Amino acid sequence: MLPVAYQKYLCVNPMFYIVQGCRDSFLYHIPFWEHPVNTAYYWTFTITLLLAGIVTFKKLRPHFADVL
C-alpha cells in the first residue's frame, strides 16, 4: 500500500524485523532465520542502543536520584 520510494525507509526500523518475521512465519511458513541480513541488522542495532543506554546511565548516575 506504501509507495516503493518509502518502502526502503521501513526496512531501517528495527520493528520491521519483528513484524515481518511474524508475518512470514505465520502466513507464509518462512522461518525468520531465512533473512540473515535482517537478523544481523536487528541485533547490531539493538546491542548498539543497549550500550549507548548503559554509557548514558553511568554518566548520569549521580543525578539520577534527583530526577526521580
Protein backbone atom coordinates (compact mmCIF):
# COMPACT_ATOMS: atom_id res chain seq x y z
CA MET A 1 0.00 0.00 0.00
CA LEU A 2 3.00 2.25 0.55
CA PRO A 3 4.82 3.69 -2.49
CA VAL A 4 8.09 1.96 -3.40
CA ALA A 5 10.08 5.12 -2.66
CA TYR A 6 9.05 4.95 1.01
CA GLN A 7 9.35 1.19 1.49
CA LYS A 8 13.14 1.34 1.88
CA TYR A 9 12.69 3.52 4.98
CA LEU A 10 10.54 0.86 6.63
CA CYS A 11 13.43 -1.60 6.50
CA VAL A 12 15.53 0.73 8.67
CA ASN A 13 13.02 0.48 11.53
CA PRO A 14 14.05 -2.37 13.87
CA MET A 15 10.40 -3.30 14.48
CA PHE A 16 10.18 -4.19 10.80
CA TYR A 17 12.25 -7.30 11.54
CA ILE A 18 9.86 -8.41 14.29
CA VAL A 19 6.68 -7.74 12.33
CA GLN A 20 7.98 -9.17 9.07
CA GLY A 21 9.34 -12.23 10.86
CA CYS A 22 5.96 -12.95 12.47
CA ARG A 23 4.15 -12.32 9.19
CA ASP A 24 6.50 -14.60 7.26
CA SER A 25 6.32 -17.32 9.91
CA PHE A 26 2.58 -17.44 10.37
CA LEU A 27 1.27 -16.55 6.93
CA TYR A 28 3.92 -17.80 4.51
CA HIS A 29 5.61 -20.53 6.64
CA ILE A 30 9.06 -18.99 6.11
CA PRO A 31 11.27 -19.18 9.24
CA PHE A 32 12.81 -15.94 10.47
CA TRP A 33 16.36 -17.26 10.04
CA GLU A 34 15.88 -17.23 6.27
CA HIS A 35 16.71 -13.49 6.39
CA PRO A 36 20.22 -13.33 7.91
CA VAL A 37 20.88 -9.74 6.83
CA ASN A 38 17.79 -8.50 8.67
CA THR A 39 18.75 -10.56 11.73
CA ALA A 40 22.28 -9.13 11.78
CA TYR A 41 20.98 -5.56 11.36
CA TYR A 42 18.40 -6.01 14.13
CA TRP A 43 20.87 -7.40 16.68
CA THR A 44 23.56 -4.86 15.77
CA PHE A 45 21.09 -2.01 16.23
CA THR A 46 19.74 -3.48 19.48
CA ILE A 47 23.16 -4.06 21.05
CA THR A 48 24.38 -0.62 19.97
CA LEU A 49 21.34 1.02 21.54
CA LEU A 50 21.81 -1.02 24.73
CA LEU A 51 25.47 0.01 25.01
CA ALA A 52 24.58 3.67 24.40
CA GLY A 53 21.97 3.45 27.16
CA ILE A 54 24.43 1.87 29.59
CA VAL A 55 27.05 4.54 28.91
CA THR A 56 24.49 7.32 29.29
CA PHE A 57 23.17 5.86 32.54
CA LYS A 58 26.66 5.51 34.01
CA LYS A 59 27.45 9.08 33.05
CA LEU A 60 24.26 10.46 34.61
CA ARG A 61 24.10 8.12 37.63
CA PRO A 62 24.97 10.82 40.24
CA HIS A 63 22.00 12.93 39.08
CA PHE A 64 19.58 10.04 38.64
CA ALA A 65 18.10 10.23 42.15
CA ASP A 66 17.41 13.94 41.72
CA VAL A 67 15.40 13.30 38.58
CA LEU A 68 13.24 10.65 40.21
